[in-house]
N, C-alpha and C. Protein backbone atom coordinates (compact mmCIF):
# COMPACT_ATOMS: atom_id res chain seq x y z
N UNK A 1 16.19 -63.79 -41.91
CA UNK A 1 16.32 -64.51 -43.16
C UNK A 1 17.79 -64.56 -43.55
N UNK A 2 18.30 -65.73 -43.74
CA UNK A 2 19.70 -65.94 -44.06
C UNK A 2 20.02 -65.38 -45.44
N UNK A 3 19.09 -65.46 -46.38
CA UNK A 3 19.33 -64.97 -47.73
C UNK A 3 19.67 -63.48 -47.75
N UNK A 4 19.00 -62.71 -46.93
CA UNK A 4 19.26 -61.27 -46.86
C UNK A 4 20.68 -61.01 -46.38
N UNK A 5 21.12 -61.73 -45.39
CA UNK A 5 22.46 -61.54 -44.83
C UNK A 5 23.54 -61.95 -45.82
N UNK A 6 23.29 -63.04 -46.53
CA UNK A 6 24.24 -63.48 -47.56
C UNK A 6 24.30 -62.45 -48.69
N UNK A 7 23.15 -61.93 -49.10
CA UNK A 7 23.12 -60.92 -50.16
C UNK A 7 23.87 -59.67 -49.75
N UNK A 8 23.73 -59.27 -48.51
CA UNK A 8 24.45 -58.09 -48.00
C UNK A 8 25.95 -58.32 -48.05
N UNK A 9 26.39 -59.48 -47.62
CA UNK A 9 27.83 -59.79 -47.63
C UNK A 9 28.35 -59.83 -49.07
N UNK A 10 27.62 -60.44 -49.97
CA UNK A 10 28.04 -60.49 -51.37
C UNK A 10 28.11 -59.08 -51.99
N UNK A 11 27.15 -58.23 -51.65
CA UNK A 11 27.15 -56.86 -52.15
C UNK A 11 28.34 -56.10 -51.59
N UNK A 12 28.70 -56.36 -50.34
CA UNK A 12 29.88 -55.75 -49.75
C UNK A 12 31.16 -56.17 -50.46
N UNK A 13 31.27 -57.45 -50.76
CA UNK A 13 32.44 -57.95 -51.49
C UNK A 13 32.48 -57.31 -52.88
N UNK A 14 31.33 -57.23 -53.54
CA UNK A 14 31.26 -56.62 -54.87
C UNK A 14 31.68 -55.15 -54.82
N UNK A 15 31.27 -54.42 -53.79
CA UNK A 15 31.66 -53.02 -53.64
C UNK A 15 33.17 -52.89 -53.43
N UNK A 16 33.72 -53.75 -52.60
CA UNK A 16 35.17 -53.74 -52.37
C UNK A 16 35.94 -54.02 -53.66
N UNK A 17 35.55 -55.07 -54.34
CA UNK A 17 36.23 -55.45 -55.59
C UNK A 17 36.07 -54.35 -56.63
N UNK A 18 34.88 -53.78 -56.72
CA UNK A 18 34.64 -52.71 -57.67
C UNK A 18 35.50 -51.49 -57.40
N UNK A 19 35.68 -51.15 -56.14
CA UNK A 19 36.55 -50.03 -55.79
C UNK A 19 37.99 -50.28 -56.20
N UNK A 20 38.45 -51.49 -55.99
CA UNK A 20 39.82 -51.85 -56.37
C UNK A 20 39.98 -51.83 -57.89
N UNK A 21 39.01 -52.38 -58.60
CA UNK A 21 39.06 -52.37 -60.06
C UNK A 21 39.03 -50.94 -60.59
N UNK A 22 38.17 -50.10 -60.00
CA UNK A 22 38.09 -48.70 -60.41
C UNK A 22 39.41 -47.98 -60.23
N UNK A 23 40.11 -48.31 -59.16
CA UNK A 23 41.41 -47.70 -58.91
C UNK A 23 42.45 -48.20 -59.90
N UNK A 24 42.46 -49.50 -60.14
CA UNK A 24 43.46 -50.08 -61.04
C UNK A 24 43.26 -49.63 -62.49
N UNK A 25 42.02 -49.55 -62.94
CA UNK A 25 41.78 -49.22 -64.35
C UNK A 25 41.80 -47.73 -64.62
N UNK A 26 41.23 -46.93 -63.72
CA UNK A 26 41.10 -45.49 -63.97
C UNK A 26 41.92 -44.65 -63.00
N UNK A 27 42.70 -45.31 -62.14
CA UNK A 27 43.47 -44.59 -61.11
C UNK A 27 42.57 -43.68 -60.28
N UNK A 28 41.34 -44.12 -60.04
CA UNK A 28 40.36 -43.34 -59.30
C UNK A 28 40.46 -43.64 -57.81
N UNK A 29 41.04 -42.68 -57.07
CA UNK A 29 41.14 -42.83 -55.62
C UNK A 29 39.76 -42.76 -54.98
N UNK A 30 38.85 -42.00 -55.61
CA UNK A 30 37.49 -41.91 -55.09
C UNK A 30 36.82 -43.28 -55.13
N UNK A 31 37.00 -44.02 -56.22
CA UNK A 31 36.43 -45.37 -56.31
C UNK A 31 37.00 -46.28 -55.24
N UNK A 32 38.30 -46.19 -55.04
CA UNK A 32 38.94 -47.04 -54.04
C UNK A 32 38.42 -46.71 -52.64
N UNK A 33 38.37 -45.45 -52.30
CA UNK A 33 37.93 -45.05 -50.96
C UNK A 33 36.45 -45.36 -50.74
N UNK A 34 35.61 -44.97 -51.70
CA UNK A 34 34.17 -45.20 -51.51
C UNK A 34 33.83 -46.69 -51.58
N UNK A 35 34.50 -47.43 -52.44
CA UNK A 35 34.28 -48.87 -52.51
C UNK A 35 34.70 -49.58 -51.25
N UNK A 36 35.83 -49.14 -50.69
CA UNK A 36 36.32 -49.74 -49.45
C UNK A 36 35.39 -49.43 -48.28
N UNK A 37 35.02 -48.16 -48.14
CA UNK A 37 34.16 -47.77 -47.02
C UNK A 37 32.79 -48.45 -47.11
N UNK A 38 32.16 -48.36 -48.28
CA UNK A 38 30.83 -48.96 -48.41
C UNK A 38 30.90 -50.49 -48.31
N UNK A 39 31.94 -51.09 -48.89
CA UNK A 39 32.09 -52.54 -48.79
C UNK A 39 32.27 -53.01 -47.36
N UNK A 40 33.11 -52.30 -46.61
CA UNK A 40 33.33 -52.68 -45.21
C UNK A 40 32.05 -52.49 -44.39
N UNK A 41 31.35 -51.39 -44.62
CA UNK A 41 30.09 -51.17 -43.89
C UNK A 41 29.07 -52.27 -44.20
N UNK A 42 28.99 -52.68 -45.46
CA UNK A 42 28.06 -53.76 -45.83
C UNK A 42 28.50 -55.09 -45.20
N UNK A 43 29.79 -55.36 -45.22
CA UNK A 43 30.27 -56.59 -44.60
C UNK A 43 30.00 -56.60 -43.10
N UNK A 44 30.21 -55.47 -42.45
CA UNK A 44 29.89 -55.36 -41.02
C UNK A 44 28.41 -55.62 -40.80
N UNK A 45 27.57 -54.99 -41.63
CA UNK A 45 26.12 -55.18 -41.51
C UNK A 45 25.71 -56.63 -41.66
N UNK A 46 26.29 -57.31 -42.65
CA UNK A 46 25.95 -58.72 -42.86
C UNK A 46 26.44 -59.62 -41.74
N UNK A 47 27.66 -59.40 -41.29
CA UNK A 47 28.22 -60.23 -40.23
C UNK A 47 27.47 -60.00 -38.91
N UNK A 48 27.22 -58.73 -38.60
CA UNK A 48 26.48 -58.42 -37.38
C UNK A 48 25.06 -59.00 -37.45
N UNK A 49 24.48 -58.99 -38.65
CA UNK A 49 23.17 -59.60 -38.83
C UNK A 49 23.20 -61.09 -38.52
N UNK A 50 24.27 -61.76 -38.95
CA UNK A 50 24.42 -63.18 -38.64
C UNK A 50 24.60 -63.43 -37.15
N UNK A 51 25.12 -62.43 -36.45
CA UNK A 51 25.31 -62.56 -35.01
C UNK A 51 24.05 -62.22 -34.22
N UNK A 52 22.97 -61.95 -34.94
CA UNK A 52 21.68 -61.73 -34.30
C UNK A 52 21.36 -60.30 -33.93
N UNK A 53 22.19 -59.37 -34.36
CA UNK A 53 21.94 -57.96 -34.07
C UNK A 53 21.09 -57.34 -35.18
N UNK A 54 19.98 -56.77 -34.82
CA UNK A 54 19.06 -56.23 -35.82
C UNK A 54 19.60 -54.98 -36.52
N UNK A 55 20.51 -54.25 -35.88
CA UNK A 55 21.02 -53.03 -36.50
C UNK A 55 21.91 -53.32 -37.69
N UNK A 56 22.39 -54.55 -37.83
CA UNK A 56 23.24 -54.90 -38.97
C UNK A 56 22.52 -54.75 -40.29
N UNK A 57 21.31 -55.27 -40.37
CA UNK A 57 20.54 -55.14 -41.62
C UNK A 57 20.04 -53.72 -41.82
N UNK A 58 19.83 -52.99 -40.73
CA UNK A 58 19.46 -51.57 -40.86
C UNK A 58 20.61 -50.79 -41.49
N UNK A 59 21.82 -51.04 -41.01
CA UNK A 59 23.00 -50.41 -41.59
C UNK A 59 23.14 -50.76 -43.07
N UNK A 60 22.98 -52.03 -43.39
CA UNK A 60 23.10 -52.48 -44.78
C UNK A 60 22.04 -51.85 -45.66
N UNK A 61 20.85 -51.68 -45.14
CA UNK A 61 19.77 -51.06 -45.92
C UNK A 61 20.10 -49.61 -46.23
N UNK A 62 20.61 -48.89 -45.25
CA UNK A 62 20.97 -47.48 -45.46
C UNK A 62 22.11 -47.35 -46.47
N UNK A 63 23.15 -48.15 -46.31
CA UNK A 63 24.29 -48.09 -47.22
C UNK A 63 23.85 -48.48 -48.64
N UNK A 64 23.02 -49.49 -48.75
CA UNK A 64 22.53 -49.92 -50.07
C UNK A 64 21.69 -48.84 -50.74
N UNK A 65 20.85 -48.17 -49.97
CA UNK A 65 20.03 -47.10 -50.52
C UNK A 65 20.90 -45.96 -51.04
N UNK A 66 21.93 -45.61 -50.28
CA UNK A 66 22.84 -44.55 -50.72
C UNK A 66 23.57 -44.98 -51.99
N UNK A 67 24.03 -46.22 -52.04
CA UNK A 67 24.73 -46.70 -53.22
C UNK A 67 23.83 -46.72 -54.45
N UNK A 68 22.59 -47.13 -54.28
CA UNK A 68 21.66 -47.14 -55.41
C UNK A 68 21.49 -45.72 -55.97
N UNK A 69 21.32 -44.75 -55.10
CA UNK A 69 21.17 -43.36 -55.56
C UNK A 69 22.43 -42.88 -56.26
N UNK A 70 23.59 -43.15 -55.67
CA UNK A 70 24.86 -42.73 -56.27
C UNK A 70 25.03 -43.34 -57.65
N UNK A 71 24.74 -44.63 -57.77
CA UNK A 71 24.93 -45.29 -59.05
C UNK A 71 23.84 -44.94 -60.06
N UNK A 72 22.65 -44.57 -59.60
CA UNK A 72 21.64 -44.05 -60.54
C UNK A 72 22.12 -42.75 -61.16
N UNK A 73 22.70 -41.88 -60.36
CA UNK A 73 23.24 -40.61 -60.88
C UNK A 73 24.38 -40.91 -61.86
N UNK A 74 25.23 -41.84 -61.48
CA UNK A 74 26.36 -42.19 -62.35
C UNK A 74 25.88 -42.78 -63.68
N UNK A 75 24.88 -43.66 -63.63
CA UNK A 75 24.33 -44.24 -64.84
C UNK A 75 23.70 -43.17 -65.72
N UNK A 76 23.01 -42.23 -65.09
CA UNK A 76 22.38 -41.14 -65.82
C UNK A 76 23.43 -40.29 -66.56
N UNK A 77 24.56 -40.05 -65.90
CA UNK A 77 25.61 -39.21 -66.49
C UNK A 77 26.40 -39.94 -67.57
N UNK A 78 26.76 -41.19 -67.32
CA UNK A 78 27.65 -41.91 -68.24
C UNK A 78 26.91 -42.71 -69.31
N UNK A 79 25.68 -43.11 -69.01
CA UNK A 79 24.90 -43.98 -69.90
C UNK A 79 25.60 -45.32 -70.17
N UNK A 80 26.49 -45.73 -69.27
CA UNK A 80 27.18 -47.01 -69.38
C UNK A 80 26.67 -47.95 -68.30
N UNK A 81 26.31 -49.15 -68.71
CA UNK A 81 25.75 -50.11 -67.76
C UNK A 81 26.77 -50.52 -66.69
N UNK A 82 28.00 -50.74 -67.11
CA UNK A 82 29.02 -51.18 -66.16
C UNK A 82 29.79 -49.99 -65.64
N UNK A 83 29.99 -49.87 -64.39
CA UNK A 83 29.58 -50.73 -63.28
C UNK A 83 28.26 -50.29 -62.65
N UNK A 84 27.77 -49.11 -63.05
CA UNK A 84 26.60 -48.52 -62.37
C UNK A 84 25.37 -49.42 -62.41
N UNK A 85 25.03 -49.93 -63.57
CA UNK A 85 23.83 -50.75 -63.71
C UNK A 85 23.89 -52.00 -62.86
N UNK A 86 25.05 -52.64 -62.86
CA UNK A 86 25.22 -53.85 -62.06
C UNK A 86 25.06 -53.56 -60.58
N UNK A 87 25.66 -52.47 -60.11
CA UNK A 87 25.55 -52.10 -58.70
C UNK A 87 24.12 -51.70 -58.34
N UNK A 88 23.40 -51.10 -59.27
CA UNK A 88 22.00 -50.74 -59.02
C UNK A 88 21.17 -52.01 -58.85
N UNK A 89 21.35 -52.96 -59.74
CA UNK A 89 20.57 -54.21 -59.68
C UNK A 89 20.83 -54.93 -58.35
N UNK A 90 22.11 -55.11 -58.01
CA UNK A 90 22.43 -55.79 -56.75
C UNK A 90 21.95 -54.98 -55.56
N UNK A 91 22.06 -53.65 -55.65
CA UNK A 91 21.62 -52.80 -54.55
C UNK A 91 20.12 -52.90 -54.31
N UNK A 92 19.35 -52.95 -55.38
CA UNK A 92 17.90 -53.07 -55.24
C UNK A 92 17.53 -54.43 -54.64
N UNK A 93 18.22 -55.47 -55.05
CA UNK A 93 17.98 -56.80 -54.48
C UNK A 93 18.26 -56.78 -52.97
N UNK A 94 19.39 -56.18 -52.59
CA UNK A 94 19.73 -56.10 -51.16
C UNK A 94 18.70 -55.24 -50.43
N UNK A 95 18.29 -54.13 -51.03
CA UNK A 95 17.26 -53.29 -50.40
C UNK A 95 15.98 -54.06 -50.16
N UNK A 96 15.56 -54.84 -51.13
CA UNK A 96 14.32 -55.61 -50.98
C UNK A 96 14.46 -56.68 -49.90
N UNK A 97 15.58 -57.41 -49.92
CA UNK A 97 15.76 -58.48 -48.95
C UNK A 97 16.03 -57.97 -47.54
N UNK A 98 17.02 -57.09 -47.42
CA UNK A 98 17.37 -56.58 -46.09
C UNK A 98 16.32 -55.62 -45.56
N UNK A 99 15.79 -54.78 -46.43
CA UNK A 99 14.77 -53.83 -46.01
C UNK A 99 13.51 -54.51 -45.51
N UNK A 100 13.16 -55.63 -46.11
CA UNK A 100 11.97 -56.35 -45.64
C UNK A 100 12.20 -56.94 -44.25
N UNK A 101 13.44 -57.27 -43.93
CA UNK A 101 13.75 -57.79 -42.59
C UNK A 101 13.76 -56.69 -41.55
N UNK A 102 14.16 -55.48 -41.96
CA UNK A 102 14.20 -54.36 -41.03
C UNK A 102 12.78 -53.95 -40.66
N UNK A 103 11.88 -53.95 -41.63
CA UNK A 103 10.50 -53.52 -41.42
C UNK A 103 9.75 -54.52 -40.56
N UNK A 104 9.99 -55.82 -40.79
CA UNK A 104 9.21 -56.82 -40.05
C UNK A 104 9.71 -57.12 -38.69
């Protein structure tokens, strides 16, 4: 399904941009590093998925699941929707789309 691969790539871009914004606004090196690593892994997963490799969406599903858990913890601690809530929503969408492709 092309929609799943596009969603994975968009989530990867969002993770990358979020990491950069987190670094610029809060000087958070952790945000920059984790956003870059997770964003790149998601982009790899989406691109590899477009190339017909089934492990690409598996990788994206795993990374998305980890991000959803991380951002759920963050939302619980901060009680602030941005950026945690937004990343949770997009992560769940990617999990549903990519995860359904991995299972089938």
